[in-house]
Structures are given as structure tokens and as C-alpha cells.
Amino acid sequence: MSLLFEILLYIFDSFGKDHSLDTRKIDQHIKELNNYPWFKVIYDDEKYHKLFFVNRTVRKYLQGKFCVRESLKVNRHK
């Protein structure tokens, strides 16, 4: 399945569910992703860094273990 399809599925699946964010999970996933150079470049860039803390869509994506794992699979070959 394509990453875009998985993201759309995740978004549609979240309708009607609790929309609170789990900061612990998000921080854990950011820490895990920081081990990868492609993520570190984005995370350390001032243009994008604050999105990891204030953008609800980005944080919701980072909260999901499945989404983070798929990102790692897709970017493993880069």
C-alpha cells in the first residue's frame, strides 16, 4: 500500500474517536525518528522545527505508531 493511502486511511479512521494527543508517545516517536538522518535534517531546520510542537496534524501523525513505522519503511532506502 502506498504511504498516501495509509495516511488517508488513518485520517478517515480517526473520525468519531477521541482527539486528544498523547505527548509521551509523540516525544518517544520523535526521539526514535531522530536516529535517522533524513528526519534529523527536517527536525533541525528552523522552518519546520516548531511544527513538531504546534501543528496538530503533524503531532497527530507522529502519535500513531503505524504512521511512524511506515515513514521509516518508506525512507529506509533514501
PDB file of N, CA and C in Angstrom:
ATOM      1  N   MET A   1       0.833  -1.181   0.000  1.00  0.00           N
ATOM      2  CA  MET A   1       0.000   0.000   0.000  1.00  0.00           C
ATOM      3  C   MET A   1       0.875   1.240   0.000  1.00  0.00           C
ATOM      4  N   SER A   2       0.398   2.270  -0.643  1.00  0.00           N
ATOM      5  CA  SER A   2       1.180   3.497  -0.684  1.00  0.00           C
ATOM      6  C   SER A   2       1.052   4.246   0.634  1.00  0.00           C
ATOM      7  N   LEU A   3       2.040   5.055   0.923  1.00  0.00           N
ATOM      8  CA  LEU A   3       2.035   5.837   2.153  1.00  0.00           C
ATOM      9  C   LEU A   3       0.857   6.804   2.149  1.00  0.00           C
ATOM     10  N   LEU A   4       0.547   7.400   1.002  1.00  0.00           N
ATOM     11  CA  LEU A   4      -0.576   8.327   0.907  1.00  0.00           C
ATOM     12  C   LEU A   4      -1.887   7.627   1.273  1.00  0.00           C
ATOM     13  N   PHE A   5      -2.081   6.421   0.763  1.00  0.00           N
ATOM     14  CA  PHE A   5      -3.278   5.656   1.085  1.00  0.00           C
ATOM     15  C   PHE A   5      -3.352   5.372   2.578  1.00  0.00           C
ATOM     16  N   GLU A   6      -2.238   5.018   3.178  1.00  0.00           N
ATOM     17  CA  GLU A   6      -2.202   4.725   4.613  1.00  0.00           C
ATOM     18  C   GLU A   6      -2.531   5.964   5.433  1.00  0.00           C
ATOM     19  N   ILE A   7      -2.032   7.112   5.011  1.00  0.00           N
ATOM     20  CA  ILE A   7      -2.315   8.354   5.726  1.00  0.00           C
ATOM     21  C   ILE A   7      -3.804   8.679   5.635  1.00  0.00           C
ATOM     22  N   LEU A   8      -4.373   8.551   4.430  1.00  0.00           N
ATOM     23  CA  LEU A   8      -5.799   8.813   4.260  1.00  0.00           C
ATOM     24  C   LEU A   8      -6.641   7.854   5.090  1.00  0.00           C
ATOM     25  N   LEU A   9      -6.264   6.609   5.110  1.00  0.00           N
ATOM     26  CA  LEU A   9      -6.971   5.614   5.914  1.00  0.00           C
ATOM     27  C   LEU A   9      -6.917   5.991   7.390  1.00  0.00           C
ATOM     28  N   TYR A  10      -5.768   6.427   7.848  1.00  0.00           N
ATOM     29  CA  TYR A  10      -5.586   6.846   9.232  1.00  0.00           C
ATOM     30  C   TYR A  10      -6.490   8.032   9.560  1.00  0.00           C
ATOM     31  N   ILE A  11      -6.546   9.006   8.646  1.00  0.00           N
ATOM     32  CA  ILE A  11      -7.365  10.192   8.869  1.00  0.00           C
ATOM     33  C   ILE A  11      -8.844   9.826   8.944  1.00  0.00           C
ATOM     34  N   PHE A  12      -9.321   9.034   7.989  1.00  0.00           N
ATOM     35  CA  PHE A  12     -10.730   8.652   7.984  1.00  0.00           C
ATOM     36  C   PHE A  12     -11.084   7.750   9.158  1.00  0.00           C
ATOM     37  N   ASP A  13     -10.147   6.944   9.578  1.00  0.00           N
ATOM     38  CA  ASP A  13     -10.378   6.052  10.703  1.00  0.00           C
ATOM     39  C   ASP A  13     -10.514   6.823  12.015  1.00  0.00           C
ATOM     40  N   SER A  14      -9.954   8.028  12.065  1.00  0.00           N
ATOM     41  CA  SER A  14      -9.957   8.794  13.311  1.00  0.00           C
ATOM     42  C   SER A  14     -11.258   9.547  13.559  1.00  0.00           C
ATOM     43  N   PHE A  15     -12.165   9.606  12.569  1.00  0.00           N
ATOM     44  CA  PHE A  15     -13.441  10.290  12.784  1.00  0.00           C
ATOM     45  C   PHE A  15     -14.234   9.598  13.886  1.00  0.00           C
ATOM     46  N   GLY A  16     -14.776  10.405  14.805  1.00  0.00           N
ATOM     47  CA  GLY A  16     -15.607   9.874  15.872  1.00  0.00           C
ATOM     48  C   GLY A  16     -14.820   9.330  17.046  1.00  0.00           C
ATOM     49  N   LYS A  17     -13.528   9.489  17.034  1.00  0.00           N
ATOM     50  CA  LYS A  17     -12.700   8.986  18.128  1.00  0.00           C
ATOM     51  C   LYS A  17     -12.226  10.156  18.989  1.00  0.00           C
ATOM     52  N   ASP A  18     -11.640   9.830  20.096  1.00  0.00           N
ATOM     53  CA  ASP A  18     -11.065  10.827  20.989  1.00  0.00           C
ATOM     54  C   ASP A  18      -9.932  11.552  20.252  1.00  0.00           C
ATOM     55  N   HIS A  19      -9.964  12.863  20.278  1.00  0.00           N
ATOM     56  CA  HIS A  19      -8.986  13.642  19.524  1.00  0.00           C
ATOM     57  C   HIS A  19      -7.888  14.245  20.407  1.00  0.00           C
ATOM     58  N   SER A  20      -7.747  13.762  21.628  1.00  0.00           N
ATOM     59  CA  SER A  20      -6.670  14.251  22.478  1.00  0.00           C
ATOM     60  C   SER A  20      -5.349  13.646  22.007  1.00  0.00           C
ATOM     61  N   LEU A  21      -4.288  14.348  22.281  1.00  0.00           N
ATOM     62  CA  LEU A  21      -2.968  13.891  21.848  1.00  0.00           C
ATOM     63  C   LEU A  21      -2.176  13.370  23.038  1.00  0.00           C
ATOM     64  N   ASP A  22      -1.389  12.347  22.791  1.00  0.00           N
ATOM     65  CA  ASP A  22      -0.552  11.748  23.825  1.00  0.00           C
ATOM     66  C   ASP A  22       0.883  12.248  23.626  1.00  0.00           C
ATOM     67  N   THR A  23       1.238  13.274  24.383  1.00  0.00           N
ATOM     68  CA  THR A  23       2.549  13.911  24.247  1.00  0.00           C
ATOM     69  C   THR A  23       3.684  12.919  24.481  1.00  0.00           C
ATOM     70  N   ARG A  24       3.495  11.992  25.388  1.00  0.00           N
ATOM     71  CA  ARG A  24       4.529  10.982  25.660  1.00  0.00           C
ATOM     72  C   ARG A  24       4.848  10.165  24.419  1.00  0.00           C
ATOM     73  N   LYS A  25       3.807   9.698  23.729  1.00  0.00           N
ATOM     74  CA  LYS A  25       4.002   8.910  22.512  1.00  0.00           C
ATOM     75  C   LYS A  25       4.677   9.745  21.427  1.00  0.00           C
ATOM     76  N   ILE A  26       4.224  10.977  21.276  1.00  0.00           N
ATOM     77  CA  ILE A  26       4.785  11.857  20.253  1.00  0.00           C
ATOM     78  C   ILE A  26       6.273  12.078  20.512  1.00  0.00           C
ATOM     79  N   ASP A  27       6.611  12.397  21.751  1.00  0.00           N
ATOM     80  CA  ASP A  27       8.023  12.613  22.108  1.00  0.00           C
ATOM     81  C   ASP A  27       8.859  11.358  21.879  1.00  0.00           C
ATOM     82  N   GLN A  28       8.295  10.214  22.210  1.00  0.00           N
ATOM     83  CA  GLN A  28       9.000   8.941  22.014  1.00  0.00           C
ATOM     84  C   GLN A  28       9.249   8.698  20.521  1.00  0.00           C
ATOM     85  N   HIS A  29       8.250   8.964  19.695  1.00  0.00           N
ATOM     86  CA  HIS A  29       8.405   8.749  18.259  1.00  0.00           C
ATOM     87  C   HIS A  29       9.388   9.749  17.649  1.00  0.00           C
ATOM     88  N   ILE A  30       9.370  10.996  18.121  1.00  0.00           N
ATOM     89  CA  ILE A  30      10.346  11.981  17.643  1.00  0.00           C
ATOM     90  C   ILE A  30      11.758  11.527  18.009  1.00  0.00           C
ATOM     91  N   LYS A  31      11.914  11.047  19.227  1.00  0.00           N
ATOM     92  CA  LYS A  31      13.228  10.561  19.674  1.00  0.00           C
ATOM     93  C   LYS A  31      13.694   9.400  18.787  1.00  0.00           C
ATOM     94  N   GLU A  32      12.797   8.488  18.477  1.00  0.00           N
ATOM     95  CA  GLU A  32      13.128   7.349  17.622  1.00  0.00           C
ATOM     96  C   GLU A  32      13.482   7.813  16.202  1.00  0.00           C
ATOM     97  N   LEU A  33      12.690   8.721  15.671  1.00  0.00           N
ATOM     98  CA  LEU A  33      12.928   9.218  14.311  1.00  0.00           C
ATOM     99  C   LEU A  33      14.216  10.026  14.210  1.00  0.00           C
ATOM    100  N   ASN A  34      14.622  10.658  15.306  1.00  0.00           N
ATOM    101  CA  ASN A  34      15.857  11.444  15.299  1.00  0.00           C
ATOM    102  C   ASN A  34      17.104  10.601  15.062  1.00  0.00           C
ATOM    103  N   ASN A  35      16.973   9.299  15.112  1.00  0.00           N
ATOM    104  CA  ASN A  35      18.096   8.408  14.814  1.00  0.00           C
ATOM    105  C   ASN A  35      18.352   8.298  13.314  1.00  0.00           C
ATOM    106  N   TYR A  36      17.465   8.868  12.500  1.00  0.00           N
ATOM    107  CA  TYR A  36      17.573   8.771  11.047  1.00  0.00           C
ATOM    108  C   TYR A  36      17.954  10.130  10.465  1.00  0.00           C
ATOM    109  N   PRO A  37      19.005  10.160   9.661  1.00  0.00           N
ATOM    110  CA  PRO A  37      19.494  11.432   9.118  1.00  0.00           C
ATOM    111  C   PRO A  37      18.443  12.223   8.351  1.00  0.00           C
ATOM    112  N   TRP A  38      17.592  11.546   7.569  1.00  0.00           N
ATOM    113  CA  TRP A  38      16.584  12.267   6.787  1.00  0.00           C
ATOM    114  C   TRP A  38      15.616  13.017   7.687  1.00  0.00           C
ATOM    115  N   PHE A  39      15.283  12.450   8.864  1.00  0.00           N
ATOM    116  CA  PHE A  39      14.371  13.125   9.789  1.00  0.00           C
ATOM    117  C   PHE A  39      15.093  14.239  10.533  1.00  0.00           C
ATOM    118  N   LYS A  40      16.318  13.971  10.939  1.00  0.00           N
ATOM    119  CA  LYS A  40      17.087  14.955  11.699  1.00  0.00           C
ATOM    120  C   LYS A  40      17.255  16.247  10.910  1.00  0.00           C
ATOM    121  N   VAL A  41      17.449  16.133   9.597  1.00  0.00           N
ATOM    122  CA  VAL A  41      17.583  17.321   8.746  1.00  0.00           C
ATOM    123  C   VAL A  41      16.312  18.171   8.830  1.00  0.00           C
ATOM    124  N   ILE A  42      15.159  17.522   8.754  1.00  0.00           N
ATOM    125  CA  ILE A  42      13.880  18.236   8.830  1.00  0.00           C
ATOM    126  C   ILE A  42      13.654  18.804  10.230  1.00  0.00           C
ATOM    127  N   TYR A  43      13.893  17.988  11.218  1.00  0.00           N
ATOM    128  CA  TYR A  43      13.642  18.377  12.603  1.00  0.00           C
ATOM    129  C   TYR A  43      14.524  19.552  13.033  1.00  0.00           C
ATOM    130  N   ASP A  44      15.759  19.578  12.568  1.00  0.00           N
ATOM    131  CA  ASP A  44      16.696  20.632  12.950  1.00  0.00           C
ATOM    132  C   ASP A  44      16.531  21.910  12.125  1.00  0.00           C
ATOM    133  N   ASP A  45      15.791  21.852  11.044  1.00  0.00           N
ATOM    134  CA  ASP A  45      15.568  23.030  10.205  1.00  0.00           C
ATOM    135  C   ASP A  45      14.594  23.976  10.904  1.00  0.00           C
ATOM    136  N   GLU A  46      15.003  25.221  11.105  1.00  0.00           N
ATOM    137  CA  GLU A  46      14.171  26.194  11.820  1.00  0.00           C
ATOM    138  C   GLU A  46      12.811  26.413  11.166  1.00  0.00           C
ATOM    139  N   LYS A  47      12.735  26.254   9.847  1.00  0.00           N
ATOM    140  CA  LYS A  47      11.464  26.452   9.140  1.00  0.00           C
ATOM    141  C   LYS A  47      10.413  25.444   9.590  1.00  0.00           C
ATOM    142  N   TYR A  48      10.845  24.244   9.945  1.00  0.00           N
ATOM    143  CA  TYR A  48       9.907  23.167  10.252  1.00  0.00           C
ATOM    144  C   TYR A  48       9.868  22.772  11.718  1.00  0.00           C
ATOM    145  N   HIS A  49      10.882  23.127  12.462  1.00  0.00           N
ATOM    146  CA  HIS A  49      11.019  22.642  13.839  1.00  0.00           C
ATOM    147  C   HIS A  49       9.783  22.920  14.696  1.00  0.00           C
ATOM    148  N   LYS A  50       9.256  24.124  14.634  1.00  0.00           N
ATOM    149  CA  LYS A  50       8.128  24.441  15.513  1.00  0.00           C
ATOM    150  C   LYS A  50       6.855  23.672  15.141  1.00  0.00           C
ATOM    151  N   LEU A  51       6.768  23.186  13.888  1.00  0.00           N
ATOM    152  CA  LEU A  51       5.595  22.395  13.502  1.00  0.00           C
ATOM    153  C   LEU A  51       5.461  21.135  14.343  1.00  0.00           C
ATOM    154  N   PHE A  52       6.577  20.607  14.796  1.00  0.00           N
ATOM    155  CA  PHE A  52       6.561  19.396  15.610  1.00  0.00           C
ATOM    156  C   PHE A  52       5.928  19.628  16.981  1.00  0.00           C
ATOM    157  N   PHE A  53       5.777  20.902  17.351  1.00  0.00           N
ATOM    158  CA  PHE A  53       5.233  21.233  18.665  1.00  0.00           C
ATOM    159  C   PHE A  53       3.881  21.927  18.614  1.00  0.00           C
ATOM    160  N   VAL A  54       3.566  22.606  17.511  1.00  0.00           N
ATOM    161  CA  VAL A  54       2.327  23.394  17.476  1.00  0.00           C
ATOM    162  C   VAL A  54       1.310  22.929  16.441  1.00  0.00           C
ATOM    163  N   ASN A  55       1.729  22.215  15.437  1.00  0.00           N
ATOM    164  CA  ASN A  55       0.812  21.793  14.388  1.00  0.00           C
ATOM    165  C   ASN A  55       0.121  20.490  14.791  1.00  0.00           C
ATOM    166  N   ARG A  56      -1.186  20.582  14.987  1.00  0.00           N
ATOM    167  CA  ARG A  56      -1.950  19.427  15.470  1.00  0.00           C
ATOM    168  C   ARG A  56      -1.913  18.254  14.490  1.00  0.00           C
ATOM    169  N   THR A  57      -1.943  18.543  13.195  1.00  0.00           N
ATOM    170  CA  THR A  57      -1.922  17.477  12.195  1.00  0.00           C
ATOM    171  C   THR A  57      -0.604  16.716  12.248  1.00  0.00           C
ATOM    172  N   VAL A  58       0.501  17.442  12.343  1.00  0.00           N
ATOM    173  CA  VAL A  58       1.822  16.805  12.433  1.00  0.00           C
ATOM    174  C   VAL A  58       1.912  15.982  13.708  1.00  0.00           C
ATOM    175  N   ARG A  59       1.459  16.561  14.816  1.00  0.00           N
ATOM    176  CA  ARG A  59       1.540  15.853  16.093  1.00  0.00           C
ATOM    177  C   ARG A  59       0.650  14.607  16.107  1.00  0.00           C
ATOM    178  N   LYS A  60      -0.528  14.706  15.490  1.00  0.00           N
ATOM    179  CA  LYS A  60      -1.421  13.548  15.429  1.00  0.00           C
ATOM    180  C   LYS A  60      -0.780  12.431  14.610  1.00  0.00           C
ATOM    181  N   TYR A  61      -0.129  12.807  13.509  1.00  0.00           N
ATOM    182  CA  TYR A  61       0.568  11.820  12.681  1.00  0.00           C
ATOM    183  C   TYR A  61       1.688  11.158  13.482  1.00  0.00           C
ATOM    184  N   LEU A  62       2.459  11.958  14.199  1.00  0.00           N
ATOM    185  CA  LEU A  62       3.579  11.433  14.984  1.00  0.00           C
ATOM    186  C   LEU A  62       3.122  10.588  16.169  1.00  0.00           C
ATOM    187  N   GLN A  63       1.909  10.780  16.594  1.00  0.00           N
ATOM    188  CA  GLN A  63       1.377   9.995  17.707  1.00  0.00           C
ATOM    189  C   GLN A  63       1.140   8.547  17.305  1.00  0.00           C
ATOM    190  N   GLY A  64       0.812   8.323  16.043  1.00  0.00           N
ATOM    191  CA  GLY A  64       0.475   6.982  15.588  1.00  0.00           C
ATOM    192  C   GLY A  64       1.698   6.118  15.316  1.00  0.00           C
ATOM    193  N   LYS A  65       1.795   5.025  16.001  1.00  0.00           N
ATOM    194  CA  LYS A  65       2.918   4.100  15.841  1.00  0.00           C
ATOM    195  C   LYS A  65       2.974   3.564  14.414  1.00  0.00           C
ATOM    196  N   PHE A  66       1.812   3.251  13.849  1.00  0.00           N
ATOM    197  CA  PHE A  66       1.759   2.717  12.496  1.00  0.00           C
ATOM    198  C   PHE A  66       2.315   3.729  11.486  1.00  0.00           C
ATOM    199  N   CYS A  67       1.910   4.986  11.613  1.00  0.00           N
ATOM    200  CA  CYS A  67       2.369   6.021  10.679  1.00  0.00           C
ATOM    201  C   CYS A  67       3.882   6.218  10.764  1.00  0.00           C
ATOM    202  N   VAL A  68       4.404   6.210  11.958  1.00  0.00           N
ATOM    203  CA  VAL A  68       5.848   6.370  12.139  1.00  0.00           C
ATOM    204  C   VAL A  68       6.584   5.180  11.532  1.00  0.00           C
ATOM    205  N   ARG A  69       6.096   3.981  11.763  1.00  0.00           N
ATOM    206  CA  ARG A  69       6.736   2.783  11.200  1.00  0.00           C
ATOM    207  C   ARG A  69       6.723   2.826   9.676  1.00  0.00           C
ATOM    208  N   GLU A  70       5.610   3.258   9.080  1.00  0.00           N
ATOM    209  CA  GLU A  70       5.526   3.353   7.624  1.00  0.00           C
ATOM    210  C   GLU A  70       6.497   4.391   7.077  1.00  0.00           C
ATOM    211  N   SER A  71       6.646   5.508   7.799  1.00  0.00           N
ATOM    212  CA  SER A  71       7.604   6.533   7.378  1.00  0.00           C
ATOM    213  C   SER A  71       9.023   5.963   7.363  1.00  0.00           C
ATOM    214  N   LEU A  72       9.323   5.161   8.369  1.00  0.00           N
ATOM    215  CA  LEU A  72      10.655   4.554   8.433  1.00  0.00           C
ATOM    216  C   LEU A  72      10.866   3.582   7.272  1.00  0.00           C
ATOM    217  N   LYS A  73       9.842   2.811   6.932  1.00  0.00           N
ATOM    218  CA  LYS A  73       9.957   1.857   5.817  1.00  0.00           C
ATOM    219  C   LYS A  73      10.181   2.578   4.496  1.00  0.00           C
ATOM    220  N   VAL A  74       9.407   3.628   4.261  1.00  0.00           N
ATOM    221  CA  VAL A  74       9.488   4.366   3.014  1.00  0.00           C
ATOM    222  C   VAL A  74      10.839   5.050   2.868  1.00  0.00           C
ATOM    223  N   ASN A  75      11.346   5.602   3.948  1.00  0.00           N
ATOM    224  CA  ASN A  75      12.582   6.374   3.893  1.00  0.00           C
ATOM    225  C   ASN A  75      13.837   5.555   4.166  1.00  0.00           C
ATOM    226  N   ARG A  76      13.694   4.297   4.386  1.00  0.00           N
ATOM    227  CA  ARG A  76      14.835   3.434   4.672  1.00  0.00           C
ATOM    228  C   ARG A  76      15.800   3.390   3.497  1.00  0.00           C
ATOM    229  N   HIS A  77      15.259   3.498   2.291  1.00  0.00           N
ATOM    230  CA  HIS A  77      16.069   3.376   1.085  1.00  0.00           C
ATOM    231  C   HIS A  77      16.624   4.699   0.601  1.00  0.00           C
ATOM    232  N   LYS A  78      16.401   5.765   1.334  1.00  0.00           N
ATOM    233  CA  LYS A  78      16.879   7.097   0.899  1.00  0.00           C
ATOM    234  C   LYS A  78      18.221   7.388   1.481  1.00  0.00           C
TER     235      LYS A  78
END
